[in-house]
PDB file of N, CA and C in Angstrom:
ATOM      1  N   MET A   1       0.824  -1.081   0.022  1.00  0.00           N
ATOM      2  CA  MET A   1      -0.087   0.023  -0.018  1.00  0.00           C
ATOM      3  C   MET A   1       0.879   1.179  -0.038  1.00  0.00           C
ATOM      4  N   SER A   2       0.558   2.174  -0.882  1.00  0.00           N
ATOM      5  CA  SER A   2       1.425   3.373  -0.986  1.00  0.00           C
ATOM      6  C   SER A   2       1.092   4.326   0.262  1.00  0.00           C
ATOM      7  N   ILE A   3       2.002   5.268   0.455  1.00  0.00           N
ATOM      8  CA  ILE A   3       1.769   6.258   1.564  1.00  0.00           C
ATOM      9  C   ILE A   3       0.425   6.917   1.350  1.00  0.00           C
ATOM     10  N   LYS A   4       0.076   7.233   0.117  1.00  0.00           N
ATOM     11  CA  LYS A   4      -1.017   8.037  -0.196  1.00  0.00           C
ATOM     12  C   LYS A   4      -2.220   7.213   0.156  1.00  0.00           C
ATOM     13  N   GLU A   5      -2.302   6.004  -0.351  1.00  0.00           N
ATOM     14  CA  GLU A   5      -3.393   5.055   0.017  1.00  0.00           C
ATOM     15  C   GLU A   5      -3.549   4.807   1.462  1.00  0.00           C
ATOM     16  N   ASP A   6      -2.493   4.683   2.077  1.00  0.00           N
ATOM     17  CA  ASP A   6      -2.411   4.451   3.657  1.00  0.00           C
ATOM     18  C   ASP A   6      -3.023   5.681   4.294  1.00  0.00           C
ATOM     19  N   PHE A   7      -2.631   6.865   3.760  1.00  0.00           N
ATOM     20  CA  PHE A   7      -3.178   8.067   4.384  1.00  0.00           C
ATOM     21  C   PHE A   7      -4.712   8.222   4.112  1.00  0.00           C
ATOM     22  N   GLU A   8      -5.166   7.825   3.017  1.00  0.00           N
ATOM     23  CA  GLU A   8      -6.569   7.956   2.691  1.00  0.00           C
ATOM     24  C   GLU A   8      -7.413   6.945   3.508  1.00  0.00           C
ATOM     25  N   SER A   9      -6.803   5.796   3.836  1.00  0.00           N
ATOM     26  CA  SER A   9      -7.380   4.839   4.724  1.00  0.00           C
ATOM     27  C   SER A   9      -7.549   5.462   6.155  1.00  0.00           C
ATOM     28  N   VAL A  10      -6.504   6.064   6.601  1.00  0.00           N
ATOM     29  CA  VAL A  10      -6.571   6.664   7.937  1.00  0.00           C
ATOM     30  C   VAL A  10      -7.654   7.835   7.924  1.00  0.00           C
ATOM     31  N   LEU A  11      -7.768   8.516   6.851  1.00  0.00           N
ATOM     32  CA  LEU A  11      -8.712   9.709   6.739  1.00  0.00           C
ATOM     33  C   LEU A  11     -10.092   9.105   6.815  1.00  0.00           C
ATOM     34  N   LYS A  12     -10.427   7.985   6.155  1.00  0.00           N
ATOM     35  CA  LYS A  12     -11.766   7.433   6.166  1.00  0.00           C
ATOM     36  C   LYS A  12     -12.035   6.950   7.594  1.00  0.00           C
ATOM     37  N   LYS A  13     -11.083   6.301   8.194  1.00  0.00           N
ATOM     38  CA  LYS A  13     -11.375   5.826   9.611  1.00  0.00           C
ATOM     39  C   LYS A  13     -11.660   6.959  10.530  1.00  0.00           C
ATOM     40  N   LEU A  14     -10.890   8.091  10.471  1.00  0.00           N
ATOM     41  CA  LEU A  14     -11.084   9.210  11.174  1.00  0.00           C
ATOM     42  C   LEU A  14     -12.450   9.840  10.997  1.00  0.00           C
ATOM     43  N   GLN A  15     -12.981   9.914   9.755  1.00  0.00           N
ATOM     44  CA  GLN A  15     -14.277  10.324   9.372  1.00  0.00           C
ATOM     45  C   GLN A  15     -15.369   9.518  10.147  1.00  0.00           C
ATOM     46  N   THR A  16     -15.261   8.304  10.101  1.00  0.00           N
ATOM     47  CA  THR A  16     -16.114   7.417  10.788  1.00  0.00           C
ATOM     48  C   THR A  16     -16.196   7.697  12.262  1.00  0.00           C
ATOM     49  N   GLU A  17     -14.938   7.697  12.889  1.00  0.00           N
ATOM     50  CA  GLU A  17     -14.944   7.885  14.373  1.00  0.00           C
ATOM     51  C   GLU A  17     -15.485   9.307  14.711  1.00  0.00           C
ATOM     52  N   ARG A  18     -15.124  10.291  13.926  1.00  0.00           N
ATOM     53  CA  ARG A  18     -15.612  11.673  14.106  1.00  0.00           C
ATOM     54  C   ARG A  18     -17.077  11.628  14.129  1.00  0.00           C
ATOM     55  N   ASP A  19     -17.677  11.003  13.189  1.00  0.00           N
ATOM     56  CA  ASP A  19     -19.177  11.016  13.023  1.00  0.00           C
ATOM     57  C   ASP A  19     -19.782  10.405  14.215  1.00  0.00           C
ATOM     58  N   GLU A  20     -19.309   9.256  14.693  1.00  0.00           N
ATOM     59  CA  GLU A  20     -19.767   8.579  15.791  1.00  0.00           C
ATOM     60  C   GLU A  20     -19.767   9.340  17.134  1.00  0.00           C
ATOM     61  N   ILE A  21     -18.641  10.051  17.223  1.00  0.00           N
ATOM     62  CA  ILE A  21     -18.456  10.933  18.462  1.00  0.00           C
ATOM     63  C   ILE A  21     -19.443  12.074  18.349  1.00  0.00           C
ATOM     64  N   ASN A  22     -19.514  12.700  17.218  1.00  0.00           N
ATOM     65  CA  ASN A  22     -20.393  13.838  17.119  1.00  0.00           C
ATOM     66  C   ASN A  22     -21.795  13.518  17.475  1.00  0.00           C
ATOM     67  N   LEU A  23     -22.220  12.269  17.158  1.00  0.00           N
ATOM     68  CA  LEU A  23     -23.632  11.883  17.564  1.00  0.00           C
ATOM     69  C   LEU A  23     -23.792  11.823  19.097  1.00  0.00           C
ATOM     70  N   LYS A  24     -22.766  11.370  19.764  1.00  0.00           N
ATOM     71  CA  LYS A  24     -22.783  11.263  21.217  1.00  0.00           C
ATOM     72  C   LYS A  24     -22.498  12.473  22.036  1.00  0.00           C
ATOM     73  N   LEU A  25     -22.039  13.550  21.395  1.00  0.00           N
ATOM     74  CA  LEU A  25     -21.484  14.647  22.162  1.00  0.00           C
ATOM     75  C   LEU A  25     -22.611  15.349  22.998  1.00  0.00           C
ATOM     76  N   HIS A  26     -23.881  15.223  22.551  1.00  0.00           N
ATOM     77  CA  HIS A  26     -24.847  15.958  23.314  1.00  0.00           C
ATOM     78  C   HIS A  26     -25.030  15.436  24.731  1.00  0.00           C
ATOM     79  N   LEU A  27     -24.397  14.237  24.990  1.00  0.00           N
ATOM     80  CA  LEU A  27     -24.508  13.581  26.367  1.00  0.00           C
ATOM     81  C   LEU A  27     -23.126  13.819  26.978  1.00  0.00           C
ATOM     82  N   ALA A  28     -22.165  14.321  26.413  1.00  0.00           N
ATOM     83  CA  ALA A  28     -20.852  14.504  26.842  1.00  0.00           C
ATOM     84  C   ALA A  28     -20.611  15.577  27.938  1.00  0.00           C
ATOM     85  N   SER A  29     -19.572  15.406  28.691  1.00  0.00           N
ATOM     86  CA  SER A  29     -19.204  16.338  29.586  1.00  0.00           C
ATOM     87  C   SER A  29     -18.545  17.564  28.964  1.00  0.00           C
ATOM     88  N   MET A  30     -18.407  18.695  29.670  1.00  0.00           N
ATOM     89  CA  MET A  30     -17.922  19.911  29.073  1.00  0.00           C
ATOM     90  C   MET A  30     -16.479  19.650  28.572  1.00  0.00           C
ATOM     91  N   GLU A  31     -15.691  18.923  29.349  1.00  0.00           N
ATOM     92  CA  GLU A  31     -14.267  18.641  29.039  1.00  0.00           C
ATOM     93  C   GLU A  31     -14.157  17.911  27.813  1.00  0.00           C
ATOM     94  N   ALA A  32     -14.970  16.925  27.629  1.00  0.00           N
ATOM     95  CA  ALA A  32     -15.002  16.197  26.304  1.00  0.00           C
ATOM     96  C   ALA A  32     -15.339  17.077  25.131  1.00  0.00           C
ATOM     97  N   ARG A  33     -16.300  17.887  25.373  1.00  0.00           N
ATOM     98  CA  ARG A  33     -16.774  18.858  24.360  1.00  0.00           C
ATOM     99  C   ARG A  33     -15.616  19.810  23.865  1.00  0.00           C
ATOM    100  N   GLN A  34     -14.929  20.276  24.884  1.00  0.00           N
ATOM    101  CA  GLN A  34     -13.786  21.177  24.626  1.00  0.00           C
ATOM    102  C   GLN A  34     -12.710  20.539  23.865  1.00  0.00           C
ATOM    103  N   GLU A  35     -12.455  19.252  24.249  1.00  0.00           N
ATOM    104  CA  GLU A  35     -11.400  18.535  23.654  1.00  0.00           C
ATOM    105  C   GLU A  35     -11.841  18.196  22.068  1.00  0.00           C
ATOM    106  N   PHE A  36     -13.147  18.009  21.915  1.00  0.00           N
ATOM    107  CA  PHE A  36     -13.542  17.674  20.553  1.00  0.00           C
ATOM    108  C   PHE A  36     -13.482  18.905  19.745  1.00  0.00           C
ATOM    109  N   GLU A  37     -13.782  20.163  20.318  1.00  0.00           N
ATOM    110  CA  GLU A  37     -13.660  21.312  19.549  1.00  0.00           C
ATOM    111  C   GLU A  37     -12.267  21.598  19.181  1.00  0.00           C
ATOM    112  N   GLU A  38     -11.238  21.311  20.001  1.00  0.00           N
ATOM    113  CA  GLU A  38      -9.918  21.436  19.544  1.00  0.00           C
ATOM    114  C   GLU A  38      -9.547  20.414  18.473  1.00  0.00           C
ATOM    115  N   ALA A  39     -10.025  19.199  18.608  1.00  0.00           N
ATOM    116  CA  ALA A  39      -9.829  18.202  17.546  1.00  0.00           C
ATOM    117  C   ALA A  39     -10.391  18.591  16.277  1.00  0.00           C
ATOM    118  N   GLU A  40     -11.545  19.340  16.214  1.00  0.00           N
ATOM    119  CA  GLU A  40     -12.279  19.774  15.122  1.00  0.00           C
ATOM    120  C   GLU A  40     -11.291  20.752  14.262  1.00  0.00           C
ATOM    121  N   LYS A  41     -10.548  21.541  15.024  1.00  0.00           N
ATOM    122  CA  LYS A  41      -9.535  22.516  14.360  1.00  0.00           C
ATOM    123  C   LYS A  41      -8.561  21.683  13.623  1.00  0.00           C
ATOM    124  N   GLU A  42      -8.069  20.660  14.244  1.00  0.00           N
ATOM    125  CA  GLU A  42      -7.073  19.789  13.662  1.00  0.00           C
ATOM    126  C   GLU A  42      -7.679  19.089  12.411  1.00  0.00           C
ATOM    127  N   TRP A  43      -8.914  18.579  12.553  1.00  0.00           N
ATOM    128  CA  TRP A  43      -9.626  17.857  11.560  1.00  0.00           C
ATOM    129  C   TRP A  43      -9.689  18.745  10.340  1.00  0.00           C
ATOM    130  N   SER A  44     -10.065  20.041  10.536  1.00  0.00           N
ATOM    131  CA  SER A  44     -10.142  21.000   9.393  1.00  0.00           C
ATOM    132  C   SER A  44      -8.821  21.170   8.667  1.00  0.00           C
ATOM    133  N   ARG A  45      -7.767  21.266   9.503  1.00  0.00           N
ATOM    134  CA  ARG A  45      -6.424  21.332   8.750  1.00  0.00           C
ATOM    135  C   ARG A  45      -6.072  20.096   8.032  1.00  0.00           C
ATOM    136  N   LEU A  46      -6.369  18.981   8.637  1.00  0.00           N
ATOM    137  CA  LEU A  46      -6.094  17.769   8.035  1.00  0.00           C
ATOM    138  C   LEU A  46      -6.823  17.561   6.703  1.00  0.00           C
ATOM    139  N   LYS A  47      -8.112  17.992   6.651  1.00  0.00           N
ATOM    140  CA  LYS A  47      -8.880  17.925   5.403  1.00  0.00           C
ATOM    141  C   LYS A  47      -8.233  18.817   4.309  1.00  0.00           C
ATOM    142  N   VAL A  48      -7.733  19.975   4.710  1.00  0.00           N
ATOM    143  CA  VAL A  48      -6.961  20.811   3.785  1.00  0.00           C
ATOM    144  C   VAL A  48      -5.800  20.032   3.123  1.00  0.00           C
ATOM    145  N   LYS A  49      -5.080  19.431   4.086  1.00  0.00           N
ATOM    146  CA  LYS A  49      -3.852  18.702   3.609  1.00  0.00           C
ATOM    147  C   LYS A  49      -4.304  17.481   2.776  1.00  0.00           C
ATOM    148  N   ALA A  50      -5.359  16.841   3.113  1.00  0.00           N
ATOM    149  CA  ALA A  50      -5.913  15.792   2.303  1.00  0.00           C
ATOM    150  C   ALA A  50      -6.270  16.189   0.889  1.00  0.00           C
ATOM    151  N   ALA A  51      -6.847  17.366   0.822  1.00  0.00           N
ATOM    152  CA  ALA A  51      -7.257  17.913  -0.522  1.00  0.00           C
ATOM    153  C   ALA A  51      -6.013  18.208  -1.363  1.00  0.00           C
ATOM    154  N   GLU A  52      -4.964  18.712  -0.703  1.00  0.00           N
ATOM    155  CA  GLU A  52      -3.739  18.979  -1.468  1.00  0.00           C
ATOM    156  C   GLU A  52      -3.146  17.690  -1.882  1.00  0.00           C
ATOM    157  N   ILE A  53      -3.129  16.619  -1.043  1.00  0.00           N
ATOM    158  CA  ILE A  53      -2.560  15.437  -1.368  1.00  0.00           C
ATOM    159  C   ILE A  53      -3.347  14.756  -2.521  1.00  0.00           C
ATOM    160  N   GLY A  54      -4.640  14.878  -2.525  1.00  0.00           N
ATOM    161  CA  GLY A  54      -5.501  14.267  -3.560  1.00  0.00           C
ATOM    162  C   GLY A  54      -5.451  15.036  -4.790  1.00  0.00           C
ATOM    163  N   ASP A  55      -5.007  16.224  -4.839  1.00  0.00           N
ATOM    164  CA  ASP A  55      -4.979  17.131  -6.005  1.00  0.00           C
ATOM    165  C   ASP A  55      -3.815  16.660  -6.859  1.00  0.00           C
ATOM    166  N   GLU A  56      -4.075  16.040  -8.004  1.00  0.00           N
ATOM    167  CA  GLU A  56      -2.923  15.497  -8.846  1.00  0.00           C
ATOM    168  C   GLU A  56      -2.139  16.642  -9.420  1.00  0.00           C
ATOM    169  N   SER A  57      -2.662  17.880  -9.442  1.00  0.00           N
ATOM    170  CA  SER A  57      -1.958  18.992 -10.065  1.00  0.00           C
ATOM    171  C   SER A  57      -0.944  19.599  -9.064  1.00  0.00           C
ATOM    172  N   VAL A  58      -1.036  19.287  -7.776  1.00  0.00           N
ATOM    173  CA  VAL A  58      -0.257  19.750  -6.747  1.00  0.00           C
ATOM    174  C   VAL A  58       0.832  18.676  -6.460  1.00  0.00           C
ATOM    175  N   GLU A  59       2.019  18.998  -6.545  1.00  0.00           N
ATOM    176  CA  GLU A  59       3.093  18.024  -6.145  1.00  0.00           C
ATOM    177  C   GLU A  59       3.254  18.107  -4.677  1.00  0.00           C
ATOM    178  N   THR A  60       3.151  16.902  -4.004  1.00  0.00           N
ATOM    179  CA  THR A  60       3.199  16.698  -2.557  1.00  0.00           C
ATOM    180  C   THR A  60       4.374  15.875  -2.342  1.00  0.00           C
ATOM    181  N   SER A  61       5.169  16.211  -1.273  1.00  0.00           N
ATOM    182  CA  SER A  61       6.416  15.451  -0.979  1.00  0.00           C
ATOM    183  C   SER A  61       5.961  14.346  -0.057  1.00  0.00           C
ATOM    184  N   GLU A  62       6.809  13.255  -0.032  1.00  0.00           N
ATOM    185  CA  GLU A  62       6.437  12.177   0.984  1.00  0.00           C
ATOM    186  C   GLU A  62       6.524  12.642   2.354  1.00  0.00           C
ATOM    187  N   GLU A  63       7.352  13.675   2.658  1.00  0.00           N
ATOM    188  CA  GLU A  63       7.465  14.184   3.967  1.00  0.00           C
ATOM    189  C   GLU A  63       6.168  14.843   4.341  1.00  0.00           C
ATOM    190  N   PHE A  64       5.526  15.739   3.341  1.00  0.00           N
ATOM    191  CA  PHE A  64       4.250  16.316   3.630  1.00  0.00           C
ATOM    192  C   PHE A  64       3.166  15.338   3.973  1.00  0.00           C
ATOM    193  N   ILE A  65       3.212  14.223   3.218  1.00  0.00           N
ATOM    194  CA  ILE A  65       2.164  13.220   3.377  1.00  0.00           C
ATOM    195  C   ILE A  65       2.429  12.410   4.658  1.00  0.00           C
ATOM    196  N   ALA A  66       3.663  12.204   5.078  1.00  0.00           N
ATOM    197  CA  ALA A  66       4.058  11.572   6.336  1.00  0.00           C
ATOM    198  C   ALA A  66       3.539  12.481   7.547  1.00  0.00           C
ATOM    199  N   ASN A  67       3.861  13.793   7.441  1.00  0.00           N
ATOM    200  CA  ASN A  67       3.427  14.781   8.415  1.00  0.00           C
ATOM    201  C   ASN A  67       1.831  14.706   8.557  1.00  0.00           C
ATOM    202  N   ALA A  68       1.212  14.724   7.533  1.00  0.00           N
ATOM    203  CA  ALA A  68      -0.208  14.738   7.475  1.00  0.00           C
ATOM    204  C   ALA A  68      -0.715  13.397   8.158  1.00  0.00           C
ATOM    205  N   LYS A  69      -0.034  12.239   7.925  1.00  0.00           N
ATOM    206  CA  LYS A  69      -0.479  11.032   8.564  1.00  0.00           C
ATOM    207  C   LYS A  69      -0.118  11.061  10.015  1.00  0.00           C
ATOM    208  N   ILE A  70       0.835  11.747  10.505  1.00  0.00           N
ATOM    209  CA  ILE A  70       1.144  11.824  11.940  1.00  0.00           C
ATOM    210  C   ILE A  70       0.023  12.563  12.596  1.00  0.00           C
ATOM    211  N   VAL A  71      -0.347  13.746  11.922  1.00  0.00           N
ATOM    212  CA  VAL A  71      -1.538  14.516  12.494  1.00  0.00           C
ATOM    213  C   VAL A  71      -2.740  13.693  12.530  1.00  0.00           C
ATOM    214  N   GLY A  72      -2.991  12.820  11.475  1.00  0.00           N
ATOM    215  CA  GLY A  72      -4.140  11.978  11.438  1.00  0.00           C
ATOM    216  C   GLY A  72      -4.133  10.908  12.661  1.00  0.00           C
ATOM    217  N   GLU A  73      -2.882  10.430  12.940  1.00  0.00           N
ATOM    218  CA  GLU A  73      -2.777   9.393  14.045  1.00  0.00           C
ATOM    219  C   GLU A  73      -3.061  10.123  15.395  1.00  0.00           C
ATOM    220  N   GLU A  74      -2.535  11.344  15.496  1.00  0.00           N
ATOM    221  CA  GLU A  74      -2.831  12.116  16.769  1.00  0.00           C
ATOM    222  C   GLU A  74      -4.275  12.402  16.974  1.00  0.00           C
ATOM    223  N   LEU A  75      -4.945  12.672  15.888  1.00  0.00           N
ATOM    224  CA  LEU A  75      -6.409  12.856  15.896  1.00  0.00           C
ATOM    225  C   LEU A  75      -7.106  11.556  16.311  1.00  0.00           C
ATOM    226  N   LYS A  76      -6.626  10.481  15.780  1.00  0.00           N
ATOM    227  CA  LYS A  76      -7.232   9.140  16.074  1.00  0.00           C
ATOM    228  C   LYS A  76      -7.147   8.909  17.604  1.00  0.00           C
ATOM    229  N   ASP A  77      -6.010   9.233  18.145  1.00  0.00           N
ATOM    230  CA  ASP A  77      -5.797   9.058  19.656  1.00  0.00           C
ATOM    231  C   ASP A  77      -6.708   9.914  20.392  1.00  0.00           C
ATOM    232  N   THR A  78      -6.870  11.140  19.889  1.00  0.00           N
ATOM    233  CA  THR A  78      -7.811  12.038  20.539  1.00  0.00           C
ATOM    234  C   THR A  78      -9.242  11.582  20.497  1.00  0.00           C
ATOM    235  N   TYR A  79      -9.614  11.102  19.269  1.00  0.00           N
ATOM    236  CA  TYR A  79     -11.012  10.572  19.126  1.00  0.00           C
ATOM    237  C   TYR A  79     -11.236   9.363  20.032  1.00  0.00           C
ATOM    238  N   HIS A  80     -10.182   8.525  20.166  1.00  0.00           N
ATOM    239  CA  HIS A  80     -10.267   7.344  20.972  1.00  0.00           C
ATOM    240  C   HIS A  80     -10.578   7.774  22.493  1.00  0.00           C
ATOM    241  N   ARG A  81      -9.765   8.722  22.848  1.00  0.00           N
ATOM    242  CA  ARG A  81      -9.946   9.318  24.251  1.00  0.00           C
ATOM    243  C   ARG A  81     -11.340   9.835  24.510  1.00  0.00           C
ATOM    244  N   ILE A  82     -11.838  10.636  23.600  1.00  0.00           N
ATOM    245  CA  ILE A  82     -13.110  11.156  23.719  1.00  0.00           C
ATOM    246  C   ILE A  82     -14.157  10.111  23.734  1.00  0.00           C
ATOM    247  N   ALA A  83     -14.017   9.190  22.735  1.00  0.00           N
ATOM    248  CA  ALA A  83     -15.016   8.086  22.647  1.00  0.00           C
ATOM    249  C   ALA A  83     -14.997   7.260  24.028  1.00  0.00           C
ATOM    250  N   LYS A  84     -13.864   7.112  24.623  1.00  0.00           N
ATOM    251  CA  LYS A  84     -13.834   6.270  25.798  1.00  0.00           C
ATOM    252  C   LYS A  84     -14.641   7.002  26.954  1.00  0.00           C
ATOM    253  N   ARG A  85     -14.347   8.402  27.043  1.00  0.00           N
ATOM    254  CA  ARG A  85     -15.083   9.206  27.971  1.00  0.00           C
ATOM    255  C   ARG A  85     -16.590   9.015  27.786  1.00  0.00           C
ATOM    256  N   LEU A  86     -17.111   9.075  26.570  1.00  0.00           N
ATOM    257  CA  LEU A  86     -18.401   8.960  26.257  1.00  0.00           C
ATOM    258  C   LEU A  86     -19.168   7.651  26.529  1.00  0.00           C
ATOM    259  N   THR A  87     -18.313   6.565  26.671  1.00  0.00           N
ATOM    260  CA  THR A  87     -18.938   5.333  26.930  1.00  0.00           C
ATOM    261  C   THR A  87     -19.001   5.017  28.497  1.00  0.00           C
ATOM    262  N   HIS A  88     -18.364   5.795  29.304  1.00  0.00           N
ATOM    263  CA  HIS A  88     -18.374   5.662  30.775  1.00  0.00           C
ATOM    264  C   HIS A  88     -19.374   6.474  31.461  1.00  0.00           C
TER     265      HIS A  88
END
C-alpha cells in the first residue's frame, strides 16, 4: 500500500470515528466537548492537507504526506480518548 493510499485509509477511519463521536456529544461532559472542539480545528487542517494530497496537479512530498499522517494518528488518539469518556 502506498503512503497516499495508507493516508486515505486513515482519513476514512477518522471520518467514521468523528461522526460517531459527534452523535454522542450531546451527552458528553464539558471537558470532552472542549477536547472535541480542539480536535475539530485539527480535523479542518487535516482535510485541507488531504485535499492537497488528492489534487494531482499539486506536487506533494512524501514528507508532507508523512506529516499529515502523523496529524491523522494524533487525531485518532484524541477521538479514542473522547469516545472512551463517552462510553463511561
